Amino acid sequence: MTERRYFCNSGTNESDMTMMEQLIEGFPAQLKEGLDIGANITIRKHDKDIRKVLICGMGGSGIGGDYVAQILRDEAKVPVLTCKSYDIPAWVDAHTLCIISSYSGNTEESIECLHQTLKTGAKIICISSGGKVQSLAEIHDLDFVMLPGGSPSPRACLGYSVTAQLSSLWKSGLISRNSTDQIRIASDLLKFEQEAIRTKAERIASGLLSGMAVIYSTDRYEPVALRWRQQLHENSKIPAWHHVIPEMNHNEIVGWTQKQEQVSVVILRNKDDHKRNTARMDFTVNLVSNLAARTIEVHSKGNSYTERAFYLTHLGDWVSYYLAVLRKVDPSEIRIIDTLKQSLQNDQF
C-alpha cells in the first residue's frame, strides 16, 4: 500500500488522522468479524408469529437499520422499518420483532423506545457493546447481542451494526442466510479494491472544497447517500444534504435555477438503477453541472446490491477522511455533540 502522510494545523494532530484512517481501513475486516459474531448468537423463538420488524437506533446504529431494510427489500416477507426517535409507532404489538440497536448502549432515544416496547409484548432483541441496554436486557431476560466495545468513534462501527441486525433476523427465521453471505462477498470486494478506492476518494475530496455538498442517489441507495452526508458532517465538518431520485425531480430540482458557487454535487450511480431513473439522473447532471461549483458522478462496483452499496459506502467514508485532511480538521472531533449531551444531563427525562 502506498504510504500517505499528512501534516495538520495546530488544531489537529497526526494521531487523530491516523486513528480515523485505521478505523476506515478496517471496515472490510469489521464486516467479517461482525458476521462471525452473528453466526454464534442464539435467538429464542417468540410465542407469536412475527408480522413486522422495527429497528430502533440513532446515528451509526440507526443508519444500520436503513441499510438492512434496503438489503432485505427483495427478500423479507414482512415489513422492515426503522425508528429514530423517542417514540415507537402505535402498530408495535405482540406480532412485532423490535431490535434495539445502540453501539454505546446508552443512547437515550433507543433506551426510551426499549421501555415503551416492553409494554407491547413484542419480541425484543438488544444489540450494544454494553451500557444501559445490556443492563436492561439482563433485567428483562431479553435476547442480547454483544458487540466489541471500546471504539473511539461509534460511527465507524457501521459494519457491526448491519451484521448484528441481519444475523438477528436470520437467526429469528425471518430471512435466509443469503443476505449475510452477500456481506462476506462485499467485504472481499472492499479489501481487493481498497487502494483504488482510496485513490479515487482523494480525487473526489479535492472537488468538495467549495464549502457545501449535496449527494443525490436513487431511492434504493438512500442509506448510502445519507451515510455520505453524515460522514461529511462529522468527519469533514462541512454542511451537506441529500435527496433521492425520482422524488428530487418532483420538487428540489426547481431550486436549481441559479448559480450555486458554494455547492458541489455528488451523483451516486449504479448499474441496477431503474432505466427511468437513469434518464432522470442524466437530465439532473446536465442541469446542475451548469450551476454548481463542481458536479462529480460516482459509479459503484459489484455484482449485487449489497456489494455496490458497501463499495459506495466505503468510498464515501474515505472521501470524508481526505476532505478532513485537506481542510485541516480533526475527523474524530465531535465536541458540539458532546456539548449537547452535557446540556441535556441536567434535564429530567
Foldseek 3Di string as FASTA:
>chain_A
DDDDAFCFDPQAHRVLLVLLVVLLLCLLVLLVVLLVLLVPFAADAAPAAAAAEEEEDDALLQLLQVVLQLLCVPWFPHHRYYDDFQDDDPPQALNYEYEQEDAAQPDNSSVSHVVVNVVHNHQYEYEYQDYPSVVVCVVVVHHYRHDPDDRLAVNSNSSNSNSNVVSNCCSNVRGDCVSSVVSNVLSVVCNVCVVVLLVVLLVVLVLLPLAEEEEEEAPSLVSLRVLLQVLLCQQLVGHYYYDYPPVCVVPVLVVLPAADASYEYEYEDEPPPDPVRVVVVVVSCVRCCVHYNYYHYDYADDDDPSNRSVRSNSSSNSNSSSNCSVVSHRSSDDVVVVVVVVVCVVPDD
